[in-house]
Amino acid sequence: MDNKTLRYGGVQERLAAQMTRAQALRLKRLSEEAYQPRQYERDLTTDEAERRIRALEAEIALADSF
């Protein structure tokens, strides 16, 4: 790692790992549908966004089965 990366806290790596626009839109919609707006955060990584999307989808599917 070069000095610039260390000085700015790995900004380039964080930008590369940010969730995609499609993930953000899906997560926002699912969090509102599940009445859990705090599940949506703007600065999530792709992995964290995917984990939250899967959890919300499972929760909504479970609620719909009742």
PDB file of N, CA and C in Angstrom:
ATOM      1  N   MET A   1       0.845  -1.182   0.000  1.00  0.00           N
ATOM      2  CA  MET A   1       0.000   0.000   0.000  1.00  0.00           C
ATOM      3  C   MET A   1       0.883   1.236   0.000  1.00  0.00           C
ATOM      4  N   ASP A   2       0.515   2.167  -0.808  1.00  0.00           N
ATOM      5  CA  ASP A   2       1.306   3.385  -0.827  1.00  0.00           C
ATOM      6  C   ASP A   2       0.855   4.329   0.281  1.00  0.00           C
ATOM      7  N   ASN A   3       1.622   5.366   0.472  1.00  0.00           N
ATOM      8  CA  ASN A   3       1.376   6.317   1.548  1.00  0.00           C
ATOM      9  C   ASN A   3       0.033   7.025   1.401  1.00  0.00           C
ATOM     10  N   LYS A   4      -0.384   7.332   0.171  1.00  0.00           N
ATOM     11  CA  LYS A   4      -1.653   8.026  -0.046  1.00  0.00           C
ATOM     12  C   LYS A   4      -2.833   7.177   0.410  1.00  0.00           C
ATOM     13  N   THR A   5      -2.767   5.889   0.124  1.00  0.00           N
ATOM     14  CA  THR A   5      -3.851   4.997   0.535  1.00  0.00           C
ATOM     15  C   THR A   5      -3.961   4.955   2.045  1.00  0.00           C
ATOM     16  N   LEU A   6      -2.830   4.880   2.722  1.00  0.00           N
ATOM     17  CA  LEU A   6      -2.847   4.857   4.176  1.00  0.00           C
ATOM     18  C   LEU A   6      -3.343   6.168   4.757  1.00  0.00           C
ATOM     19  N   ARG A   7      -2.908   7.268   4.170  1.00  0.00           N
ATOM     20  CA  ARG A   7      -3.264   8.576   4.697  1.00  0.00           C
ATOM     21  C   ARG A   7      -4.764   8.834   4.580  1.00  0.00           C
ATOM     22  N   TYR A   8      -5.376   8.411   3.508  1.00  0.00           N
ATOM     23  CA  TYR A   8      -6.797   8.670   3.315  1.00  0.00           C
ATOM     24  C   TYR A   8      -7.679   7.493   3.732  1.00  0.00           C
ATOM     25  N   GLY A   9      -7.121   6.555   4.436  1.00  0.00           N
ATOM     26  CA  GLY A   9      -7.910   5.477   5.003  1.00  0.00           C
ATOM     27  C   GLY A   9      -8.452   4.488   3.990  1.00  0.00           C
ATOM     28  N   GLY A  10      -7.775   4.272   2.892  1.00  0.00           N
ATOM     29  CA  GLY A  10      -8.210   3.298   1.906  1.00  0.00           C
ATOM     30  C   GLY A  10      -9.470   3.699   1.165  1.00  0.00           C
ATOM     31  N   VAL A  11      -9.596   4.957   0.828  1.00  0.00           N
ATOM     32  CA  VAL A  11     -10.787   5.470   0.156  1.00  0.00           C
ATOM     33  C   VAL A  11     -11.072   4.698  -1.124  1.00  0.00           C
ATOM     34  N   GLN A  12     -10.032   4.422  -1.875  1.00  0.00           N
ATOM     35  CA  GLN A  12     -10.218   3.731  -3.148  1.00  0.00           C
ATOM     36  C   GLN A  12     -10.830   2.345  -2.935  1.00  0.00           C
ATOM     37  N   GLU A  13     -10.356   1.632  -1.937  1.00  0.00           N
ATOM     38  CA  GLU A  13     -10.902   0.304  -1.654  1.00  0.00           C
ATOM     39  C   GLU A  13     -12.360   0.390  -1.195  1.00  0.00           C
ATOM     40  N   ARG A  14     -12.657   1.392  -0.365  1.00  0.00           N
ATOM     41  CA  ARG A  14     -14.036   1.544   0.110  1.00  0.00           C
ATOM     42  C   ARG A  14     -14.976   1.897  -1.028  1.00  0.00           C
ATOM     43  N   LEU A  15     -14.524   2.734  -1.955  1.00  0.00           N
ATOM     44  CA  LEU A  15     -15.371   3.095  -3.091  1.00  0.00           C
ATOM     45  C   LEU A  15     -15.628   1.892  -3.981  1.00  0.00           C
ATOM     46  N   ALA A  16     -14.642   1.056  -4.163  1.00  0.00           N
ATOM     47  CA  ALA A  16     -14.796  -0.129  -5.001  1.00  0.00           C
ATOM     48  C   ALA A  16     -15.742  -1.134  -4.364  1.00  0.00           C
ATOM     49  N   ALA A  17     -15.841  -1.128  -3.046  1.00  0.00           N
ATOM     50  CA  ALA A  17     -16.671  -2.100  -2.344  1.00  0.00           C
ATOM     51  C   ALA A  17     -18.073  -1.581  -2.039  1.00  0.00           C
ATOM     52  N   GLN A  18     -18.393  -0.348  -2.402  1.00  0.00           N
ATOM     53  CA  GLN A  18     -19.709   0.201  -2.096  1.00  0.00           C
ATOM     54  C   GLN A  18     -20.800  -0.550  -2.842  1.00  0.00           C
ATOM     55  N   MET A  19     -21.960  -0.619  -2.223  1.00  0.00           N
ATOM     56  CA  MET A  19     -23.071  -1.305  -2.866  1.00  0.00           C
ATOM     57  C   MET A  19     -23.444  -0.610  -4.171  1.00  0.00           C
ATOM     58  N   THR A  20     -24.003  -1.387  -5.064  1.00  0.00           N
ATOM     59  CA  THR A  20     -24.392  -0.851  -6.361  1.00  0.00           C
ATOM     60  C   THR A  20     -25.694  -0.066  -6.225  1.00  0.00           C
ATOM     61  N   ARG A  21     -26.007   0.685  -7.249  1.00  0.00           N
ATOM     62  CA  ARG A  21     -27.264   1.447  -7.259  1.00  0.00           C
ATOM     63  C   ARG A  21     -28.456   0.504  -7.201  1.00  0.00           C
ATOM     64  N   ALA A  22     -28.378  -0.599  -7.919  1.00  0.00           N
ATOM     65  CA  ALA A  22     -29.467  -1.577  -7.915  1.00  0.00           C
ATOM     66  C   ALA A  22     -29.666  -2.163  -6.514  1.00  0.00           C
ATOM     67  N   GLN A  23     -28.578  -2.467  -5.833  1.00  0.00           N
ATOM     68  CA  GLN A  23     -28.683  -2.968  -4.463  1.00  0.00           C
ATOM     69  C   GLN A  23     -29.295  -1.919  -3.544  1.00  0.00           C
ATOM     70  N   ALA A  24     -28.883  -0.678  -3.698  1.00  0.00           N
ATOM     71  CA  ALA A  24     -29.405   0.390  -2.850  1.00  0.00           C
ATOM     72  C   ALA A  24     -30.905   0.550  -3.039  1.00  0.00           C
ATOM     73  N   LEU A  25     -31.357   0.542  -4.278  1.00  0.00           N
ATOM     74  CA  LEU A  25     -32.789   0.690  -4.549  1.00  0.00           C
ATOM     75  C   LEU A  25     -33.581  -0.486  -3.989  1.00  0.00           C
ATOM     76  N   ARG A  26     -33.066  -1.693  -4.194  1.00  0.00           N
ATOM     77  CA  ARG A  26     -33.763  -2.885  -3.695  1.00  0.00           C
ATOM     78  C   ARG A  26     -33.802  -2.895  -2.169  1.00  0.00           C
ATOM     79  N   LEU A  27     -32.691  -2.587  -1.549  1.00  0.00           N
ATOM     80  CA  LEU A  27     -32.630  -2.573  -0.090  1.00  0.00           C
ATOM     81  C   LEU A  27     -33.554  -1.512   0.484  1.00  0.00           C
ATOM     82  N   LYS A  28     -33.605  -0.357  -0.122  1.00  0.00           N
ATOM     83  CA  LYS A  28     -34.493   0.719   0.349  1.00  0.00           C
ATOM     84  C   LYS A  28     -35.946   0.266   0.290  1.00  0.00           C
ATOM     85  N   ARG A  29     -36.339  -0.328  -0.849  1.00  0.00           N
ATOM     86  CA  ARG A  29     -37.720  -0.780  -1.007  1.00  0.00           C
ATOM     87  C   ARG A  29     -38.061  -1.891  -0.011  1.00  0.00           C
ATOM     88  N   LEU A  30     -37.175  -2.860   0.134  1.00  0.00           N
ATOM     89  CA  LEU A  30     -37.430  -3.965   1.051  1.00  0.00           C
ATOM     90  C   LEU A  30     -37.478  -3.495   2.501  1.00  0.00           C
ATOM     91  N   SER A  31     -36.600  -2.574   2.868  1.00  0.00           N
ATOM     92  CA  SER A  31     -36.598  -2.098   4.254  1.00  0.00           C
ATOM     93  C   SER A  31     -37.875  -1.340   4.580  1.00  0.00           C
ATOM     94  N   GLU A  32     -38.400  -0.621   3.612  1.00  0.00           N
ATOM     95  CA  GLU A  32     -39.675   0.073   3.833  1.00  0.00           C
ATOM     96  C   GLU A  32     -40.831  -0.928   3.888  1.00  0.00           C
ATOM     97  N   GLU A  33     -40.799  -1.923   3.021  1.00  0.00           N
ATOM     98  CA  GLU A  33     -41.860  -2.932   2.992  1.00  0.00           C
ATOM     99  C   GLU A  33     -41.893  -3.743   4.292  1.00  0.00           C
ATOM    100  N   ALA A  34     -40.723  -3.980   4.875  1.00  0.00           N
ATOM    101  CA  ALA A  34     -40.629  -4.745   6.116  1.00  0.00           C
ATOM    102  C   ALA A  34     -40.746  -3.860   7.357  1.00  0.00           C
ATOM    103  N   TYR A  35     -41.022  -2.583   7.163  1.00  0.00           N
ATOM    104  CA  TYR A  35     -41.133  -1.621   8.269  1.00  0.00           C
ATOM    105  C   TYR A  35     -39.864  -1.585   9.109  1.00  0.00           C
ATOM    106  N   GLN A  36     -38.708  -1.671   8.430  1.00  0.00           N
ATOM    107  CA  GLN A  36     -37.415  -1.602   9.098  1.00  0.00           C
ATOM    108  C   GLN A  36     -36.507  -0.617   8.349  1.00  0.00           C
ATOM    109  N   PRO A  37     -36.841   0.651   8.364  1.00  0.00           N
ATOM    110  CA  PRO A  37     -36.069   1.617   7.569  1.00  0.00           C
ATOM    111  C   PRO A  37     -34.609   1.736   7.978  1.00  0.00           C
ATOM    112  N   ARG A  38     -34.270   1.341   9.182  1.00  0.00           N
ATOM    113  CA  ARG A  38     -32.874   1.436   9.622  1.00  0.00           C
ATOM    114  C   ARG A  38     -31.976   0.386   8.977  1.00  0.00           C
ATOM    115  N   GLN A  39     -32.574  -0.595   8.305  1.00  0.00           N
ATOM    116  CA  GLN A  39     -31.766  -1.583   7.583  1.00  0.00           C
ATOM    117  C   GLN A  39     -31.080  -0.953   6.370  1.00  0.00           C
ATOM    118  N   TYR A  40     -31.635   0.151   5.879  1.00  0.00           N
ATOM    119  CA  TYR A  40     -31.041   0.843   4.748  1.00  0.00           C
ATOM    120  C   TYR A  40     -30.066   1.895   5.239  1.00  0.00           C
ATOM    121  N   GLU A  41     -28.846   1.807   4.769  1.00  0.00           N
ATOM    122  CA  GLU A  41     -27.826   2.819   5.029  1.00  0.00           C
ATOM    123  C   GLU A  41     -27.110   3.087   3.714  1.00  0.00           C
ATOM    124  N   ARG A  42     -26.736   4.308   3.493  1.00  0.00           N
ATOM    125  CA  ARG A  42     -26.146   4.706   2.209  1.00  0.00           C
ATOM    126  C   ARG A  42     -24.733   4.194   1.988  1.00  0.00           C
ATOM    127  N   ASP A  43     -23.999   3.925   3.040  1.00  0.00           N
ATOM    128  CA  ASP A  43     -22.573   3.607   2.878  1.00  0.00           C
ATOM    129  C   ASP A  43     -22.230   2.136   3.114  1.00  0.00           C
ATOM    130  N   LEU A  44     -23.116   1.238   2.753  1.00  0.00           N
ATOM    131  CA  LEU A  44     -22.858  -0.188   2.939  1.00  0.00           C
ATOM    132  C   LEU A  44     -21.955  -0.728   1.837  1.00  0.00           C
ATOM    133  N   THR A  45     -21.282  -1.820   2.156  1.00  0.00           N
ATOM    134  CA  THR A  45     -20.507  -2.528   1.139  1.00  0.00           C
ATOM    135  C   THR A  45     -21.454  -3.427   0.355  1.00  0.00           C
ATOM    136  N   THR A  46     -20.971  -3.935  -0.761  1.00  0.00           N
ATOM    137  CA  THR A  46     -21.807  -4.836  -1.566  1.00  0.00           C
ATOM    138  C   THR A  46     -22.168  -6.087  -0.777  1.00  0.00           C
ATOM    139  N   ASP A  47     -21.222  -6.611  -0.012  1.00  0.00           N
ATOM    140  CA  ASP A  47     -21.483  -7.822   0.769  1.00  0.00           C
ATOM    141  C   ASP A  47     -22.525  -7.582   1.859  1.00  0.00           C
ATOM    142  N   GLU A  48     -22.388  -6.488   2.589  1.00  0.00           N
ATOM    143  CA  GLU A  48     -23.342  -6.179   3.654  1.00  0.00           C
ATOM    144  C   GLU A  48     -24.724  -5.896   3.080  1.00  0.00           C
ATOM    145  N   ALA A  49     -24.783  -5.186   1.965  1.00  0.00           N
ATOM    146  CA  ALA A  49     -26.072  -4.906   1.327  1.00  0.00           C
ATOM    147  C   ALA A  49     -26.742  -6.207   0.899  1.00  0.00           C
ATOM    148  N   GLU A  50     -25.977  -7.101   0.311  1.00  0.00           N
ATOM    149  CA  GLU A  50     -26.538  -8.389  -0.127  1.00  0.00           C
ATOM    150  C   GLU A  50     -27.046  -9.201   1.056  1.00  0.00           C
ATOM    151  N   ARG A  51     -26.304  -9.186   2.157  1.00  0.00           N
ATOM    152  CA  ARG A  51     -26.732  -9.914   3.367  1.00  0.00           C
ATOM    153  C   ARG A  51     -28.048  -9.353   3.895  1.00  0.00           C
ATOM    154  N   ARG A  52     -28.166  -8.038   3.938  1.00  0.00           N
ATOM    155  CA  ARG A  52     -29.405  -7.420   4.430  1.00  0.00           C
ATOM    156  C   ARG A  52     -30.577  -7.663   3.477  1.00  0.00           C
ATOM    157  N   ILE A  53     -30.301  -7.636   2.178  1.00  0.00           N
ATOM    158  CA  ILE A  53     -31.353  -7.907   1.195  1.00  0.00           C
ATOM    159  C   ILE A  53     -31.893  -9.316   1.390  1.00  0.00           C
ATOM    160  N   ARG A  54     -30.998 -10.299   1.506  1.00  0.00           N
ATOM    161  CA  ARG A  54     -31.439 -11.689   1.700  1.00  0.00           C
ATOM    162  C   ARG A  54     -32.237 -11.847   2.987  1.00  0.00           C
ATOM    163  N   ALA A  55     -31.797 -11.207   4.062  1.00  0.00           N
ATOM    164  CA  ALA A  55     -32.499 -11.309   5.342  1.00  0.00           C
ATOM    165  C   ALA A  55     -33.891 -10.687   5.257  1.00  0.00           C
ATOM    166  N   LEU A  56     -33.998  -9.532   4.623  1.00  0.00           N
ATOM    167  CA  LEU A  56     -35.297  -8.882   4.489  1.00  0.00           C
ATOM    168  C   LEU A  56     -36.229  -9.682   3.573  1.00  0.00           C
ATOM    169  N   GLU A  57     -35.695 -10.240   2.489  1.00  0.00           N
ATOM    170  CA  GLU A  57     -36.514 -11.060   1.605  1.00  0.00           C
ATOM    171  C   GLU A  57     -37.060 -12.277   2.343  1.00  0.00           C
ATOM    172  N   ALA A  58     -36.233 -12.913   3.159  1.00  0.00           N
ATOM    173  CA  ALA A  58     -36.669 -14.071   3.939  1.00  0.00           C
ATOM    174  C   ALA A  58     -37.737 -13.674   4.950  1.00  0.00           C
ATOM    175  N   GLU A  59     -37.546 -12.546   5.596  1.00  0.00           N
ATOM    176  CA  GLU A  59     -38.518 -12.080   6.576  1.00  0.00           C
ATOM    177  C   GLU A  59     -39.871 -11.755   5.919  1.00  0.00           C
ATOM    178  N   ILE A  60     -39.824 -11.114   4.779  1.00  0.00           N
ATOM    179  CA  ILE A  60     -41.055 -10.764   4.064  1.00  0.00           C
ATOM    180  C   ILE A  60     -41.759 -12.018   3.557  1.00  0.00           C
ATOM    181  N   ALA A  61     -40.993 -12.983   3.061  1.00  0.00           N
ATOM    182  CA  ALA A  61     -41.572 -14.233   2.585  1.00  0.00           C
ATOM    183  C   ALA A  61     -42.232 -14.980   3.737  1.00  0.00           C
ATOM    184  N   LEU A  62     -41.606 -14.971   4.892  1.00  0.00           N
ATOM    185  CA  LEU A  62     -42.172 -15.622   6.061  1.00  0.00           C
ATOM    186  C   LEU A  62     -43.463 -14.945   6.496  1.00  0.00           C
ATOM    187  N   ALA A  63     -43.476 -13.626   6.495  1.00  0.00           N
ATOM    188  CA  ALA A  63     -44.675 -12.873   6.885  1.00  0.00           C
ATOM    189  C   ALA A  63     -45.809 -13.112   5.898  1.00  0.00           C
ATOM    190  N   ASP A  64     -45.477 -13.241   4.609  1.00  0.00           N
ATOM    191  CA  ASP A  64     -46.493 -13.469   3.585  1.00  0.00           C
ATOM    192  C   ASP A  64     -47.092 -14.872   3.677  1.00  0.00           C
ATOM    193  N   SER A  65     -46.372 -15.804   4.290  1.00  0.00           N
ATOM    194  CA  SER A  65     -46.880 -17.171   4.370  1.00  0.00           C
ATOM    195  C   SER A  65     -47.953 -17.349   5.455  1.00  0.00           C
ATOM    196  N   PHE A  66     -48.120 -16.366   6.294  1.00  0.00           N
ATOM    197  CA  PHE A  66     -49.143 -16.462   7.353  1.00  0.00           C
ATOM    198  C   PHE A  66     -50.456 -15.951   6.890  1.00  0.00           C
TER     199      PHE A  66
END
